[in-house]
N, C-alpha and C. Protein backbone atom coordinates (compact mmCIF):
# COMPACT_ATOMS: atom_id res chain seq x y z
N MET A 1 28.54 -27.20 232.62
CA MET A 1 27.14 -27.55 232.17
C MET A 1 26.48 -28.73 232.96
N TRP A 2 25.40 -28.67 233.36
CA TRP A 2 24.77 -29.75 234.03
C TRP A 2 24.20 -30.79 232.97
N ILE A 3 24.59 -32.05 233.20
CA ILE A 3 23.96 -33.11 232.38
C ILE A 3 23.24 -34.35 233.14
N ARG A 4 21.98 -34.62 232.61
CA ARG A 4 21.26 -35.85 233.36
C ARG A 4 21.65 -37.07 232.46
N SER A 5 22.11 -38.15 233.09
CA SER A 5 22.46 -39.46 232.66
C SER A 5 21.24 -39.99 231.79
N GLN A 6 21.64 -41.01 230.81
CA GLN A 6 20.76 -41.62 230.10
C GLN A 6 19.87 -42.36 231.10
N ASP A 7 20.17 -42.95 232.03
CA ASP A 7 19.53 -43.94 233.15
C ASP A 7 18.64 -43.00 234.19
N ARG A 8 18.81 -41.66 234.17
CA ARG A 8 18.20 -40.62 234.78
C ARG A 8 18.83 -40.79 236.25
N LYS A 9 19.69 -41.28 236.54
CA LYS A 9 20.10 -41.53 237.97
C LYS A 9 21.18 -40.72 238.44
N LEU A 10 21.80 -39.76 237.42
CA LEU A 10 22.72 -38.99 237.80
C LEU A 10 22.55 -37.67 237.20
N LEU A 11 22.74 -36.46 237.92
CA LEU A 11 22.65 -35.24 237.53
C LEU A 11 23.78 -34.43 238.02
N ALA A 12 24.83 -34.32 236.97
CA ALA A 12 26.07 -33.65 237.42
C ALA A 12 26.51 -32.51 236.67
N ASP A 13 27.39 -31.64 237.31
CA ASP A 13 28.14 -30.57 236.57
C ASP A 13 29.20 -31.04 236.07
N ILE A 14 29.07 -31.32 234.53
CA ILE A 14 30.49 -32.07 233.91
C ILE A 14 31.58 -30.96 233.60
N LYS A 15 32.55 -31.47 233.73
CA LYS A 15 33.92 -30.68 233.40
C LYS A 15 34.42 -30.90 232.07
N ALA A 16 34.37 -32.33 231.52
CA ALA A 16 34.81 -32.65 230.37
C ALA A 16 33.86 -34.00 229.90
N ILE A 17 33.64 -33.95 228.56
CA ILE A 17 32.93 -34.99 227.99
C ILE A 17 33.48 -35.42 226.79
N GLY A 18 33.17 -36.68 226.41
CA GLY A 18 33.99 -37.14 225.33
C GLY A 18 32.96 -38.67 224.64
N ALA A 19 33.20 -38.94 223.51
CA ALA A 19 32.57 -40.14 222.91
C ALA A 19 33.61 -41.21 222.84
N TYR A 20 33.50 -42.04 223.49
CA TYR A 20 34.42 -43.28 223.39
C TYR A 20 33.79 -44.46 223.04
N SER A 21 34.01 -45.02 221.80
CA SER A 21 33.41 -45.90 221.15
C SER A 21 31.76 -45.64 221.18
N ILE A 22 31.08 -46.43 221.59
CA ILE A 22 29.46 -46.23 221.78
C ILE A 22 29.00 -45.66 222.94
N GLU A 23 29.99 -45.21 223.81
CA GLU A 23 29.71 -44.50 225.04
C GLU A 23 29.95 -43.14 225.25
N ILE A 24 29.08 -42.41 225.92
CA ILE A 24 29.46 -41.01 226.32
C ILE A 24 30.10 -41.08 227.62
N ARG A 25 31.11 -40.59 227.77
CA ARG A 25 31.81 -40.57 229.41
C ARG A 25 31.98 -39.27 229.55
N ALA A 26 32.02 -38.71 230.80
CA ALA A 26 32.28 -37.36 231.33
C ALA A 26 33.22 -37.58 232.68
N SER A 27 33.83 -36.48 232.67
CA SER A 27 34.64 -36.35 233.97
C SER A 27 33.79 -35.28 234.94
N ILE A 28 33.52 -35.87 235.94
CA ILE A 28 32.70 -35.24 236.69
C ILE A 28 33.44 -34.24 238.07
N GLY A 29 34.38 -35.01 238.27
CA GLY A 29 35.28 -34.12 239.42
C GLY A 29 36.43 -33.56 238.92
N GLY A 30 37.48 -33.23 239.53
CA GLY A 30 38.76 -32.58 239.21
C GLY A 30 39.58 -33.49 238.59
N ASN A 31 39.52 -34.72 238.55
CA ASN A 31 40.84 -35.73 238.16
C ASN A 31 40.19 -36.60 237.17
N ARG A 32 40.93 -37.11 236.33
CA ARG A 32 40.54 -38.31 235.60
C ARG A 32 39.94 -39.43 236.09
N ALA A 33 40.15 -39.91 237.38
CA ALA A 33 39.53 -40.91 237.97
C ALA A 33 38.03 -40.77 238.11
N ASP A 34 37.66 -39.58 238.19
CA ASP A 34 36.10 -39.17 238.51
C ASP A 34 35.31 -39.29 237.12
N THR A 35 35.56 -40.18 236.22
CA THR A 35 34.56 -40.28 235.14
C THR A 35 33.56 -41.39 235.13
N GLY A 36 32.69 -41.16 234.49
CA GLY A 36 31.45 -42.23 234.40
C GLY A 36 30.59 -42.07 233.08
N PRO A 37 30.12 -43.03 232.75
CA PRO A 37 29.10 -43.11 231.75
C PRO A 37 27.98 -42.25 231.71
N LEU A 38 27.59 -41.54 230.85
CA LEU A 38 26.17 -40.79 230.69
C LEU A 38 25.21 -41.27 229.86
N GLY A 39 25.84 -42.10 228.81
CA GLY A 39 24.79 -42.74 227.85
C GLY A 39 25.45 -43.85 226.97
N GLU A 40 24.63 -44.75 226.51
CA GLU A 40 25.27 -45.52 225.61
C GLU A 40 24.33 -45.83 224.15
N TYR A 41 25.05 -45.88 223.29
CA TYR A 41 24.40 -45.94 221.93
C TYR A 41 24.70 -47.12 221.12
N GLU A 42 23.83 -47.11 219.92
CA GLU A 42 24.01 -48.29 219.08
C GLU A 42 25.17 -48.42 218.26
N SER A 43 25.80 -47.30 218.06
CA SER A 43 27.15 -47.05 217.01
C SER A 43 27.97 -45.80 217.58
N GLU A 44 29.11 -45.73 217.29
CA GLU A 44 29.92 -44.85 217.66
C GLU A 44 29.52 -43.34 216.73
N GLU A 45 29.05 -43.69 215.77
CA GLU A 45 28.52 -42.51 214.90
C GLU A 45 27.49 -41.89 215.68
N ARG A 46 26.50 -42.66 216.30
CA ARG A 46 25.30 -42.03 216.98
C ARG A 46 25.85 -41.37 218.29
N ALA A 47 26.82 -41.99 219.14
CA ALA A 47 27.42 -41.27 220.25
C ALA A 47 28.08 -39.81 219.83
N VAL A 48 28.68 -39.98 218.68
CA VAL A 48 29.17 -38.69 218.33
C VAL A 48 28.16 -37.46 217.77
N GLU A 49 27.20 -37.93 217.40
CA GLU A 49 25.92 -37.17 217.06
C GLU A 49 25.39 -36.46 218.23
N VAL A 50 25.33 -37.35 219.25
CA VAL A 50 24.68 -37.01 220.69
C VAL A 50 25.72 -35.95 221.43
N LEU A 51 27.15 -36.34 221.21
CA LEU A 51 28.07 -35.24 221.49
C LEU A 51 28.09 -33.89 220.73
N ASP A 52 27.49 -34.01 219.50
CA ASP A 52 27.16 -32.74 218.69
C ASP A 52 26.04 -31.94 219.34
N GLU A 53 25.25 -32.58 219.73
CA GLU A 53 23.78 -32.08 220.49
C GLU A 53 24.33 -31.48 221.67
N ILE A 54 25.01 -32.06 222.46
CA ILE A 54 25.50 -31.28 223.67
C ILE A 54 26.15 -30.12 223.33
N GLN A 55 27.01 -29.96 222.30
CA GLN A 55 28.03 -28.94 221.99
C GLN A 55 26.79 -27.91 221.63
N GLU A 56 25.83 -27.93 221.01
CA GLU A 56 25.02 -27.10 220.48
C GLU A 56 24.28 -26.73 221.58
N SER A 57 23.93 -27.55 222.56
CA SER A 57 23.05 -26.91 223.60
C SER A 57 23.95 -25.91 224.72
N LEU A 58 25.28 -26.19 224.65
CA LEU A 58 26.15 -25.36 225.59
C LEU A 58 26.30 -24.24 224.76
N TRP A 59 26.34 -24.17 223.39
CA TRP A 59 26.60 -22.78 222.58
C TRP A 59 25.11 -21.94 222.88
N ASP A 60 24.18 -22.90 222.94
CA ASP A 60 22.80 -21.99 223.12
C ASP A 60 22.65 -21.44 224.53
N CYS A 61 23.35 -22.09 225.59
CA CYS A 61 23.06 -21.96 226.92
C CYS A 61 24.46 -20.36 227.02
N LEU A 62 25.46 -20.33 226.19
CA LEU A 62 26.19 -19.38 226.20
C LEU A 62 25.65 -18.00 225.49
N ASN A 63 24.81 -18.27 224.60
CA ASN A 63 24.37 -17.18 223.85
C ASN A 63 22.88 -16.61 224.37
N VAL A 64 22.32 -16.93 225.45
CA VAL A 64 21.21 -16.62 225.91
C VAL A 64 21.07 -15.38 226.75
N ASP A 65 19.98 -15.02 227.40
CA ASP A 65 20.16 -13.92 228.40
C ASP A 65 20.96 -14.01 229.39
N GLU A 66 21.52 -13.03 229.93
CA GLU A 66 22.46 -13.01 231.05
C GLU A 66 21.94 -13.57 232.34
N ASN A 67 20.53 -13.49 232.40
CA ASN A 67 19.95 -13.90 233.76
C ASN A 67 19.81 -15.53 233.83
N VAL A 68 20.07 -16.33 232.83
CA VAL A 68 20.09 -17.75 232.66
C VAL A 68 21.32 -18.18 233.55
N ILE A 69 21.16 -18.98 234.47
CA ILE A 69 22.35 -19.39 235.46
C ILE A 69 22.87 -20.68 234.89
N ALA A 70 21.92 -21.62 234.66
CA ALA A 70 22.50 -22.94 234.05
C ALA A 70 21.38 -23.95 233.26
N LYS A 71 21.83 -24.59 232.41
CA LYS A 71 20.79 -25.27 231.68
C LYS A 71 21.05 -26.88 231.91
N VAL A 72 20.02 -27.69 231.83
CA VAL A 72 20.51 -29.04 232.17
C VAL A 72 20.16 -29.69 230.81
N TYR A 73 21.13 -30.51 230.34
CA TYR A 73 20.84 -31.38 229.02
C TYR A 73 20.64 -32.95 229.56
N GLU A 74 19.63 -33.43 228.89
CA GLU A 74 19.12 -34.86 229.33
C GLU A 74 19.60 -35.68 228.11
N MET A 75 20.34 -36.62 228.45
CA MET A 75 20.92 -37.67 227.52
C MET A 75 19.75 -38.47 226.81
N PRO A 76 19.73 -38.54 225.54
CA PRO A 76 18.65 -38.89 224.75
C PRO A 76 18.78 -40.76 224.95
N GLU A 77 17.67 -41.25 224.76
CA GLU A 77 17.48 -42.64 224.66
C GLU A 77 18.41 -43.02 223.31
N LYS A 78 18.71 -44.41 223.27
CA LYS A 78 19.47 -45.00 222.54
C LYS A 78 18.85 -44.47 220.85
């Protein structure tokens, strides 16, 4: 899944993603060293909420027309 970072400076094909305290971090490459922040939020609860939104977006992408190749999720502001 492609995700654009909150600061709009990164557009990456994400391999894994998680909420760590108030930050959403992603694995961009093939190993753990290739991780980076995608967004920062006011609370851990909000970070998990955004992660839930990303999951929904991924499910939507998987359940659409076969002609759709990719979808880009844009990280929301705080």
